[in-house]
């Protein structure tokens, strides 16, 4: 059962040079078909390998979801993904809430 306003994509096998384009295309297609989405959940329970191209694909998915105002979730992360996220220090960036549109922060002077 699909939760309202949530898109879940299961990532299985290797996420590398040969397969990263498949992930970004699949997410783009499903976002186009899904209608308004607040949360995009990538389920990594069956991920076996990830390289730098796979990490780049996650950054591209984040860019796309943020542009729509949706939050990206990285669920069921195996050790190989945890190590990559820790080494590159991008977990918080990938899973941060999207910035509000039209809100300008900063001090006034």
Protein backbone atom coordinates (compact mmCIF):
# COMPACT_ATOMS: atom_id res chain seq x y z
CA UNK A 1 0.00 0.00 0.00
CA UNK A 2 1.35 3.40 -0.98
CA UNK A 3 1.30 6.10 1.69
CA UNK A 4 -0.30 9.35 0.49
CA UNK A 5 2.20 11.84 -0.90
CA UNK A 6 5.06 9.32 -0.51
CA UNK A 7 7.06 7.70 -3.27
CA UNK A 8 9.09 4.60 -2.34
CA UNK A 9 11.79 3.24 -4.65
CA UNK A 10 13.59 0.00 -3.85
CA UNK A 11 17.30 -0.03 -4.74
CA UNK A 12 18.73 -3.53 -5.21
CA UNK A 13 22.05 -4.98 -6.30
CA UNK A 14 24.88 -2.66 -7.26
CA UNK A 15 24.58 1.11 -7.56
CA UNK A 16 27.58 2.01 -9.70
CA UNK A 17 28.67 3.38 -13.07
CA UNK A 18 26.55 0.85 -14.97
CA UNK A 19 23.34 1.26 -12.95
CA UNK A 20 23.25 4.80 -11.52
CA UNK A 21 21.47 6.21 -14.57
CA UNK A 22 18.73 3.63 -14.09
CA UNK A 23 18.07 4.92 -10.58
CA UNK A 24 17.92 8.59 -11.54
CA UNK A 25 15.67 7.82 -14.53
CA UNK A 26 13.35 5.61 -12.46
CA UNK A 27 12.96 8.26 -9.77
CA UNK A 28 12.35 10.99 -12.36
CA UNK A 29 9.70 8.90 -14.14
CA UNK A 30 7.94 7.95 -10.93
CA UNK A 31 7.97 11.54 -9.67
CA UNK A 32 6.40 12.68 -12.94
CA UNK A 33 3.63 10.08 -12.60
CA UNK A 34 3.06 10.32 -8.84
CA UNK A 35 1.53 13.76 -8.55
CA UNK A 36 2.34 15.85 -5.45
CA UNK A 37 4.97 14.11 -3.32
CA UNK A 38 6.20 15.22 0.10
CA UNK A 39 8.51 12.31 0.83
CA UNK A 40 10.71 10.15 -1.39
CA UNK A 41 11.92 7.00 0.32
CA UNK A 42 14.81 5.04 -1.17
CA UNK A 43 14.82 1.53 0.31
CA UNK A 44 18.34 0.06 0.26
CA UNK A 45 17.64 -3.27 1.99
CA UNK A 46 18.89 -5.19 -1.08
CA UNK A 47 21.84 -2.94 -2.00
CA UNK A 48 25.07 -4.93 -2.30
CA UNK A 49 27.56 -2.33 -3.59
CA UNK A 50 27.91 1.41 -4.07
CA UNK A 51 30.68 3.43 -5.70
CA UNK A 52 31.24 7.14 -6.23
CA UNK A 53 28.96 7.15 -9.28
CA UNK A 54 26.21 5.68 -7.11
CA UNK A 55 26.77 8.43 -4.58
CA UNK A 56 26.56 10.97 -7.40
CA UNK A 57 23.22 9.45 -8.41
CA UNK A 58 21.94 9.95 -4.85
CA UNK A 59 23.00 13.58 -5.00
CA UNK A 60 21.11 13.99 -8.30
CA UNK A 61 18.01 12.36 -6.80
CA UNK A 62 18.31 14.76 -3.86
CA UNK A 63 18.54 17.73 -6.22
CA UNK A 64 15.40 16.59 -8.04
CA UNK A 65 13.39 15.90 -4.88
CA UNK A 66 14.45 19.19 -3.28
CA UNK A 67 13.36 21.10 -6.39
CA UNK A 68 9.89 19.64 -5.84
CA UNK A 69 9.92 20.46 -2.13
CA UNK A 70 10.03 16.77 -1.17
CA UNK A 71 12.22 15.26 1.53
CA UNK A 72 14.53 12.37 0.69
CA UNK A 73 14.79 9.41 3.08
CA UNK A 74 17.48 6.73 2.86
CA UNK A 75 15.91 3.67 4.47
CA UNK A 76 17.42 0.31 5.45
CA UNK A 77 20.99 1.40 4.75
CA UNK A 78 23.49 -1.49 4.56
CA UNK A 79 27.06 -1.11 5.85
CA UNK A 80 28.47 -0.33 2.39
CA UNK A 81 26.17 2.70 2.09
CA UNK A 82 26.74 3.79 5.69
CA UNK A 83 30.52 3.77 5.13
CA UNK A 84 30.22 5.85 1.95
CA UNK A 85 27.91 8.37 3.61
CA UNK A 86 30.21 8.63 6.63
CA UNK A 87 33.40 9.00 4.54
CA UNK A 88 31.88 11.71 2.34
CA UNK A 89 29.88 13.41 5.10
CA UNK A 90 26.75 13.84 2.94
CA UNK A 91 24.05 12.05 4.97
CA UNK A 92 22.71 15.23 6.56
CA UNK A 93 22.76 17.02 3.20
CA UNK A 94 20.84 14.22 1.47
CA UNK A 95 18.20 13.89 4.17
CA UNK A 96 17.73 17.51 5.23
CA UNK A 97 14.28 19.02 4.90
CA UNK A 98 13.91 21.03 1.69
CA UNK A 99 14.30 24.75 2.09
CA UNK A 100 11.12 26.82 2.06
CA UNK A 101 10.50 28.63 -1.21
CA UNK A 102 10.38 32.41 -1.09
CA UNK A 103 11.76 32.71 2.45
CA UNK A 104 14.83 34.86 2.79
CA UNK A 105 16.86 34.45 5.96
CA UNK A 106 19.66 36.48 7.40
CA UNK A 107 20.24 39.52 9.54
CA UNK A 108 18.86 42.92 8.74
CA UNK A 109 21.03 45.78 9.05
